[in-house]
Amino acid sequence: MTARAKARSRWPRRAAWLLLFAVLAGGAYLVGGFVRFASDVAALSAPPTTARADGIVVLTGGEQRLRKAIGLLREGQGRRLLISGVNPDTSAGAIARATGTEMALIDCCIDLDYEAMDTIGNAEATARWAKEHGFDRLLLVTSDYHIPRSLLEMGGVDGAPAIVPYPVSPDKLWRSDGWPTRLGLRLLVTEYAKVLAVKARLATGLDLAPLGGSHHRVAGRGE
């Protein structure tokens, strides 16, 4: 066998090893990135009470988020509250009953956004609302695992105000020892995949389809 023939016979083996290395390296990168993502989410905490803002925005997805956002409004942490991504079938009265909020507060200081269908829509609606009211700084209330993607989407909107994240930790997603539950782990993996998709979309400018469908909950379309 000539030297050239031997080299040709070795090429498929080398290509297989290179492919295997690339797969292992890519897998290690993704696993390492997920570990960092989960660690960052677990380390999120509510800002100090001195972190008052012009307004408050809550991304719908459950009563826990809504109650916390309304509580912040009552405490004077912001002058108005935007509830973004409200289900079209959910009225202001239904939100009042679900959260134990008097209608006078809703009529006075709470705005409902029925247009946003996903986190991108939430970000765009938030920027419009902040501009309409002249708000430069907002408290963003959403689940802790949703904070990283929300900040990415907010940062991708022109003219978006400064955002102070206010994470809410769903009890069913975390154990008492700080580790995620089985449901929490699945949700973190899904959310990490969505974060990667957002980063790719923002980096390339391509309109990539979102991963997963929307989930209708008590007062919103989910995230």
C-alpha atoms as a PDB file:
ATOM      1  CA  MET A   1       0.000   0.000   0.000  1.00  0.00           C
ATOM      2  CA  THR A   2       1.378   3.388  -0.959  1.00  0.00           C
ATOM      3  CA  ALA A   3       1.811   6.252   1.504  1.00  0.00           C
ATOM      4  CA  ARG A   4      -1.041   8.135  -0.146  1.00  0.00           C
ATOM      5  CA  ALA A   5      -3.344   5.130   0.146  1.00  0.00           C
ATOM      6  CA  LYS A   6      -2.422   4.703   3.827  1.00  0.00           C
ATOM      7  CA  ALA A   7      -3.184   8.362   4.489  1.00  0.00           C
ATOM      8  CA  ARG A   8      -6.564   8.015   2.780  1.00  0.00           C
ATOM      9  CA  SER A   9      -7.377   4.945   4.874  1.00  0.00           C
ATOM     10  CA  ARG A  10      -6.545   6.791   8.095  1.00  0.00           C
ATOM     11  CA  TRP A  11      -8.694   9.826   7.281  1.00  0.00           C
ATOM     12  CA  PRO A  12     -12.122   8.285   8.177  1.00  0.00           C
ATOM     13  CA  ARG A  13     -10.732   7.230  11.566  1.00  0.00           C
ATOM     14  CA  ARG A  14      -9.315  10.689  12.220  1.00  0.00           C
ATOM     15  CA  ALA A  15     -12.574  12.307  11.137  1.00  0.00           C
ATOM     16  CA  ALA A  16     -14.506  10.060  13.526  1.00  0.00           C
ATOM     17  CA  TRP A  17     -12.220  11.034  16.419  1.00  0.00           C
ATOM     18  CA  LEU A  18     -12.542  14.714  15.558  1.00  0.00           C
ATOM     19  CA  LEU A  19     -16.323  14.393  15.429  1.00  0.00           C
ATOM     20  CA  LEU A  20     -16.369  12.579  18.769  1.00  0.00           C
ATOM     21  CA  PHE A  21     -14.168  15.273  20.323  1.00  0.00           C
ATOM     22  CA  ALA A  22     -16.425  18.022  18.968  1.00  0.00           C
ATOM     23  CA  VAL A  23     -19.529  16.292  20.367  1.00  0.00           C
ATOM     24  CA  LEU A  24     -17.914  15.802  23.783  1.00  0.00           C
ATOM     25  CA  ALA A  25     -16.598  19.368  23.867  1.00  0.00           C
ATOM     26  CA  GLY A  26     -19.991  20.761  22.859  1.00  0.00           C
ATOM     27  CA  GLY A  27     -21.723  18.620  25.470  1.00  0.00           C
ATOM     28  CA  ALA A  28     -19.297  19.751  28.170  1.00  0.00           C
ATOM     29  CA  TYR A  29     -19.885  23.396  27.173  1.00  0.00           C
ATOM     30  CA  LEU A  30     -23.655  22.991  27.392  1.00  0.00           C
ATOM     31  CA  VAL A  31     -23.508  21.160  30.719  1.00  0.00           C
ATOM     32  CA  GLY A  32     -21.123  23.737  32.158  1.00  0.00           C
ATOM     33  CA  GLY A  33     -23.332  26.550  30.912  1.00  0.00           C
ATOM     34  CA  PHE A  34     -26.409  24.954  32.459  1.00  0.00           C
ATOM     35  CA  VAL A  35     -24.658  24.535  35.812  1.00  0.00           C
ATOM     36  CA  ARG A  36     -23.717  28.228  35.769  1.00  0.00           C
ATOM     37  CA  PHE A  37     -27.255  29.184  34.743  1.00  0.00           C
ATOM     38  CA  ALA A  38     -28.842  27.115  37.540  1.00  0.00           C
ATOM     39  CA  SER A  39     -26.343  28.469  40.062  1.00  0.00           C
ATOM     40  CA  ASP A  40     -27.070  32.066  39.024  1.00  0.00           C
ATOM     41  CA  VAL A  41     -30.817  31.480  39.329  1.00  0.00           C
ATOM     42  CA  ALA A  42     -30.439  29.894  42.769  1.00  0.00           C
ATOM     43  CA  ALA A  43     -28.366  32.886  43.917  1.00  0.00           C
ATOM     44  CA  LEU A  44     -30.949  35.475  42.839  1.00  0.00           C
ATOM     45  CA  SER A  45     -32.474  37.448  45.685  1.00  0.00           C
ATOM     46  CA  ALA A  46     -34.879  40.339  46.073  1.00  0.00           C
ATOM     47  CA  PRO A  47     -33.247  43.785  45.918  1.00  0.00           C
ATOM     48  CA  PRO A  48     -33.169  45.908  49.085  1.00  0.00           C
ATOM     49  CA  THR A  49     -36.195  48.016  49.855  1.00  0.00           C
ATOM     50  CA  THR A  50     -34.158  51.101  48.985  1.00  0.00           C
ATOM     51  CA  ALA A  51     -34.204  50.007  45.329  1.00  0.00           C
ATOM     52  CA  ARG A  52     -37.372  51.943  44.619  1.00  0.00           C
ATOM     53  CA  ALA A  53     -38.250  52.620  41.006  1.00  0.00           C
ATOM     54  CA  ASP A  54     -40.587  54.793  38.968  1.00  0.00           C
ATOM     55  CA  GLY A  55     -42.830  51.855  38.159  1.00  0.00           C
ATOM     56  CA  ILE A  56     -43.264  48.106  38.549  1.00  0.00           C
ATOM     57  CA  VAL A  57     -43.895  45.518  35.860  1.00  0.00           C
ATOM     58  CA  VAL A  58     -44.940  41.941  36.501  1.00  0.00           C
ATOM     59  CA  LEU A  59     -44.901  39.251  33.820  1.00  0.00           C
ATOM     60  CA  THR A  60     -47.976  37.104  34.367  1.00  0.00           C
ATOM     61  CA  GLY A  61     -47.754  33.398  35.008  1.00  0.00           C
ATOM     62  CA  GLY A  62     -49.202  32.858  38.475  1.00  0.00           C
ATOM     63  CA  GLU A  63     -50.828  34.467  41.496  1.00  0.00           C
ATOM     64  CA  GLN A  64     -47.592  34.464  43.483  1.00  0.00           C
ATOM     65  CA  ARG A  65     -45.986  36.947  41.088  1.00  0.00           C
ATOM     66  CA  LEU A  66     -49.100  39.128  41.005  1.00  0.00           C
ATOM     67  CA  ARG A  67     -49.456  39.249  44.783  1.00  0.00           C
ATOM     68  CA  LYS A  68     -45.814  40.198  45.198  1.00  0.00           C
ATOM     69  CA  ALA A  69     -46.027  42.957  42.562  1.00  0.00           C
ATOM     70  CA  ILE A  70     -49.205  44.390  44.059  1.00  0.00           C
ATOM     71  CA  GLY A  71     -47.588  44.264  47.493  1.00  0.00           C
ATOM     72  CA  LEU A  72     -44.637  46.272  46.188  1.00  0.00           C
ATOM     73  CA  LEU A  73     -47.040  48.832  44.744  1.00  0.00           C
ATOM     74  CA  ARG A  74     -48.778  49.139  48.120  1.00  0.00           C
ATOM     75  CA  GLU A  75     -45.399  49.679  49.790  1.00  0.00           C
ATOM     76  CA  GLY A  76     -44.667  52.585  47.469  1.00  0.00           C
ATOM     77  CA  GLN A  77     -41.836  50.836  45.619  1.00  0.00           C
ATOM     78  CA  GLY A  78     -43.245  52.272  42.382  1.00  0.00           C
ATOM     79  CA  ARG A  79     -45.931  54.746  41.342  1.00  0.00           C
ATOM     80  CA  ARG A  80     -47.753  52.451  38.899  1.00  0.00           C
ATOM     81  CA  LEU A  81     -47.868  48.733  38.094  1.00  0.00           C
ATOM     82  CA  LEU A  82     -48.048  47.116  34.665  1.00  0.00           C
ATOM     83  CA  ILE A  83     -49.342  43.542  34.476  1.00  0.00           C
ATOM     84  CA  SER A  84     -48.039  42.355  31.112  1.00  0.00           C
ATOM     85  CA  GLY A  85     -49.389  39.417  29.135  1.00  0.00           C
ATOM     86  CA  VAL A  86     -52.834  39.157  30.719  1.00  0.00           C
ATOM     87  CA  ASN A  87     -55.079  36.470  29.268  1.00  0.00           C
ATOM     88  CA  PRO A  88     -57.793  38.132  27.114  1.00  0.00           C
ATOM     89  CA  ASP A  89     -60.433  36.187  29.080  1.00  0.00           C
ATOM     90  CA  THR A  90     -59.207  37.595  32.415  1.00  0.00           C
ATOM     91  CA  SER A  91     -60.870  40.792  33.576  1.00  0.00           C
ATOM     92  CA  ALA A  92     -59.629  43.348  36.052  1.00  0.00           C
ATOM     93  CA  GLY A  93     -62.300  42.086  38.445  1.00  0.00           C
ATOM     94  CA  ALA A  94     -60.985  38.519  38.177  1.00  0.00           C
ATOM     95  CA  ILE A  95     -57.479  39.719  39.033  1.00  0.00           C
ATOM     96  CA  ALA A  96     -58.883  41.670  41.988  1.00  0.00           C
ATOM     97  CA  ARG A  97     -60.669  38.579  43.315  1.00  0.00           C
ATOM     98  CA  ALA A  98     -57.712  36.255  42.739  1.00  0.00           C
ATOM     99  CA  THR A  99     -55.255  38.523  44.532  1.00  0.00           C
ATOM    100  CA  GLY A 100     -57.524  40.107  47.131  1.00  0.00           C
ATOM    101  CA  THR A 101     -56.994  43.571  45.650  1.00  0.00           C
ATOM    102  CA  GLU A 102     -59.568  46.321  45.886  1.00  0.00           C
ATOM    103  CA  MET A 103     -60.804  47.665  42.559  1.00  0.00           C
ATOM    104  CA  ALA A 104     -59.970  51.206  43.652  1.00  0.00           C
ATOM    105  CA  LEU A 105     -56.256  50.352  43.565  1.00  0.00           C
ATOM    106  CA  ILE A 106     -56.553  48.697  40.155  1.00  0.00           C
ATOM    107  CA  ASP A 107     -58.506  51.635  38.718  1.00  0.00           C
ATOM    108  CA  CYS A 108     -56.012  54.076  40.163  1.00  0.00           C
ATOM    109  CA  CYS A 109     -52.594  52.615  39.615  1.00  0.00           C
ATOM    110  CA  ILE A 110     -52.584  49.278  37.742  1.00  0.00           C
ATOM    111  CA  ASP A 111     -52.464  48.904  33.951  1.00  0.00           C
ATOM    112  CA  LEU A 112     -53.289  45.651  32.150  1.00  0.00           C
ATOM    113  CA  ASP A 113     -51.474  44.623  28.963  1.00  0.00           C
ATOM    114  CA  TYR A 114     -53.502  42.121  26.928  1.00  0.00           C
ATOM    115  CA  GLU A 115     -51.287  42.194  23.822  1.00  0.00           C
ATOM    116  CA  ALA A 116     -48.043  40.471  24.857  1.00  0.00           C
ATOM    117  CA  MET A 117     -48.006  36.780  23.913  1.00  0.00           C
ATOM    118  CA  ASP A 118     -44.497  35.906  25.076  1.00  0.00           C
ATOM    119  CA  THR A 119     -41.425  37.371  26.772  1.00  0.00           C
ATOM    120  CA  ILE A 120     -40.504  39.382  23.662  1.00  0.00           C
ATOM    121  CA  GLY A 121     -43.966  40.929  23.714  1.00  0.00           C
ATOM    122  CA  ASN A 122     -43.603  41.595  27.448  1.00  0.00           C
ATOM    123  CA  ALA A 123     -40.365  43.486  26.818  1.00  0.00           C
ATOM    124  CA  GLU A 124     -41.862  45.585  24.025  1.00  0.00           C
ATOM    125  CA  ALA A 125     -45.012  46.376  26.031  1.00  0.00           C
ATOM    126  CA  THR A 126     -42.895  47.323  29.045  1.00  0.00           C
ATOM    127  CA  ALA A 127     -40.764  49.727  27.006  1.00  0.00           C
ATOM    128  CA  ARG A 128     -43.879  51.401  25.526  1.00  0.00           C
ATOM    129  CA  TRP A 129     -45.523  51.707  28.937  1.00  0.00           C
ATOM    130  CA  ALA A 130     -42.389  53.175  30.533  1.00  0.00           C
ATOM    131  CA  LYS A 131     -42.060  55.736  27.723  1.00  0.00           C
ATOM    132  CA  GLU A 132     -45.747  56.681  27.964  1.00  0.00           C
ATOM    133  CA  HIS A 133     -45.411  57.439  31.684  1.00  0.00           C
ATOM    134  CA  GLY A 134     -41.900  58.881  31.559  1.00  0.00           C
ATOM    135  CA  PHE A 135     -40.462  56.089  33.702  1.00  0.00           C
ATOM    136  CA  ASP A 136     -36.678  55.568  33.581  1.00  0.00           C
ATOM    137  CA  ARG A 137     -36.348  52.774  36.167  1.00  0.00           C
ATOM    138  CA  LEU A 138     -38.597  49.758  36.723  1.00  0.00           C
ATOM    139  CA  LEU A 139     -38.808  46.858  39.134  1.00  0.00           C
ATOM    140  CA  LEU A 140     -39.301  43.640  37.131  1.00  0.00           C
ATOM    141  CA  VAL A 141     -41.247  40.963  39.011  1.00  0.00           C
ATOM    142  CA  THR A 142     -41.179  37.448  37.600  1.00  0.00           C
ATOM    143  CA  SER A 143     -40.123  33.931  38.602  1.00  0.00           C
ATOM    144  CA  ASP A 144     -36.436  33.542  39.441  1.00  0.00           C
ATOM    145  CA  TYR A 145     -35.765  31.106  36.588  1.00  0.00           C
ATOM    146  CA  HIS A 146     -37.360  33.595  34.153  1.00  0.00           C
ATOM    147  CA  ILE A 147     -35.188  36.567  35.182  1.00  0.00           C
ATOM    148  CA  PRO A 148     -32.161  35.867  32.895  1.00  0.00           C
ATOM    149  CA  ARG A 149     -34.272  35.535  29.727  1.00  0.00           C
ATOM    150  CA  SER A 150     -36.431  38.517  30.673  1.00  0.00           C
ATOM    151  CA  LEU A 151     -33.364  40.714  31.112  1.00  0.00           C
ATOM    152  CA  LEU A 152     -32.008  39.572  27.738  1.00  0.00           C
ATOM    153  CA  GLU A 153     -35.276  40.448  26.002  1.00  0.00           C
ATOM    154  CA  MET A 154     -35.557  43.788  27.822  1.00  0.00           C
ATOM    155  CA  GLY A 155     -32.009  44.645  26.825  1.00  0.00           C
ATOM    156  CA  GLY A 156     -32.832  43.902  23.192  1.00  0.00           C
ATOM    157  CA  VAL A 157     -35.575  46.547  22.982  1.00  0.00           C
ATOM    158  CA  ASP A 158     -34.577  50.040  21.905  1.00  0.00           C
ATOM    159  CA  GLY A 159     -35.315  52.684  24.485  1.00  0.00           C
ATOM    160  CA  ALA A 160     -35.966  50.181  27.265  1.00  0.00           C
ATOM    161  CA  PRO A 161     -35.729  51.667  30.781  1.00  0.00           C
ATOM    162  CA  ALA A 162     -33.277  50.558  33.456  1.00  0.00           C
ATOM    163  CA  ILE A 163     -34.474  47.288  34.980  1.00  0.00           C
ATOM    164  CA  VAL A 164     -34.087  46.135  38.582  1.00  0.00           C
ATOM    165  CA  PRO A 165     -34.952  42.402  38.740  1.00  0.00           C
ATOM    166  CA  TYR A 166     -37.203  41.275  41.574  1.00  0.00           C
ATOM    167  CA  PRO A 167     -37.249  37.450  41.510  1.00  0.00           C
ATOM    168  CA  VAL A 168     -40.053  35.348  42.940  1.00  0.00           C
ATOM    169  CA  SER A 169     -39.117  31.761  43.846  1.00  0.00           C
ATOM    170  CA  PRO A 170     -41.967  29.295  43.249  1.00  0.00           C
ATOM    171  CA  ASP A 171     -42.114  26.941  46.243  1.00  0.00           C
ATOM    172  CA  LYS A 172     -42.860  23.870  44.132  1.00  0.00           C
ATOM    173  CA  LEU A 173     -39.617  24.292  42.166  1.00  0.00           C
ATOM    174  CA  TRP A 174     -37.115  24.350  45.040  1.00  0.00           C
ATOM    175  CA  ARG A 175     -36.488  22.013  47.966  1.00  0.00           C
ATOM    176  CA  SER A 176     -35.773  23.254  51.480  1.00  0.00           C
ATOM    177  CA  ASP A 177     -32.056  22.445  51.043  1.00  0.00           C
ATOM    178  CA  GLY A 178     -31.805  24.822  48.061  1.00  0.00           C
ATOM    179  CA  TRP A 179     -31.708  22.153  45.332  1.00  0.00           C
ATOM    180  CA  PRO A 180     -34.362  22.125  42.610  1.00  0.00           C
ATOM    181  CA  THR A 181     -37.190  19.620  42.723  1.00  0.00           C
ATOM    182  CA  ARG A 182     -37.649  17.210  39.830  1.00  0.00           C
ATOM    183  CA  LEU A 183     -40.155  19.626  38.312  1.00  0.00           C
ATOM    184  CA  GLY A 184     -37.782  22.517  38.974  1.00  0.00           C
ATOM    185  CA  LEU A 185     -34.910  20.730  37.246  1.00  0.00           C
ATOM    186  CA  ARG A 186     -36.994  20.066  34.149  1.00  0.00           C
ATOM    187  CA  LEU A 187     -38.113  23.680  34.101  1.00  0.00           C
ATOM    188  CA  LEU A 188     -34.542  24.963  34.497  1.00  0.00           C
ATOM    189  CA  VAL A 189     -33.351  22.792  31.594  1.00  0.00           C
ATOM    190  CA  THR A 190     -36.177  24.081  29.388  1.00  0.00           C
ATOM    191  CA  GLU A 191     -35.531  27.673  30.385  1.00  0.00           C
ATOM    192  CA  TYR A 192     -31.792  27.304  29.732  1.00  0.00           C
ATOM    193  CA  ALA A 193     -32.564  26.105  26.208  1.00  0.00           C
ATOM    194  CA  LYS A 194     -34.769  29.167  25.712  1.00  0.00           C
ATOM    195  CA  VAL A 195     -32.000  31.460  26.984  1.00  0.00           C
ATOM    196  CA  LEU A 196     -29.583  29.937  24.448  1.00  0.00           C
ATOM    197  CA  ALA A 197     -32.157  30.493  21.692  1.00  0.00           C
ATOM    198  CA  VAL A 198     -32.585  34.145  22.699  1.00  0.00           C
ATOM    199  CA  LYS A 199     -28.816  34.690  22.737  1.00  0.00           C
ATOM    200  CA  ALA A 200     -28.535  33.131  19.277  1.00  0.00           C
ATOM    201  CA  ARG A 201     -31.397  35.272  17.964  1.00  0.00           C
ATOM    202  CA  LEU A 202     -29.951  38.483  19.357  1.00  0.00           C
ATOM    203  CA  ALA A 203     -26.461  37.620  18.090  1.00  0.00           C
ATOM    204  CA  THR A 204     -27.561  36.703  14.567  1.00  0.00           C
ATOM    205  CA  GLY A 205     -30.615  38.923  14.159  1.00  0.00           C
ATOM    206  CA  LEU A 206     -32.634  35.900  13.056  1.00  0.00           C
ATOM    207  CA  ASP A 207     -36.237  35.476  14.188  1.00  0.00           C
ATOM    208  CA  LEU A 208     -35.910  32.023  15.722  1.00  0.00           C
ATOM    209  CA  ALA A 209     -39.116  30.260  16.734  1.00  0.00           C
ATOM    210  CA  PRO A 210     -39.568  30.100  20.514  1.00  0.00           C
ATOM    211  CA  LEU A 211     -39.120  26.763  22.244  1.00  0.00           C
ATOM    212  CA  GLY A 212     -42.263  25.351  23.772  1.00  0.00           C
ATOM    213  CA  GLY A 213     -45.793  26.647  23.743  1.00  0.00           C
ATOM    214  CA  SER A 214     -47.402  29.229  25.943  1.00  0.00           C
ATOM    215  CA  HIS A 215     -49.120  28.099  29.110  1.00  0.00           C
ATOM    216  CA  HIS A 216     -52.329  29.811  30.142  1.00  0.00           C
ATOM    217  CA  ARG A 217     -52.514  30.326  33.868  1.00  0.00           C
ATOM    218  CA  VAL A 218     -54.831  32.170  36.226  1.00  0.00           C
ATOM    219  CA  ALA A 219     -54.208  35.638  34.879  1.00  0.00           C
ATOM    220  CA  GLY A 220     -51.743  35.332  32.063  1.00  0.00           C
ATOM    221  CA  ARG A 221     -50.362  33.556  29.056  1.00  0.00           C
ATOM    222  CA  GLY A 222     -47.285  32.232  30.825  1.00  0.00           C
ATOM    223  CA  GLU A 223     -43.773  32.717  29.527  1.00  0.00           C
END
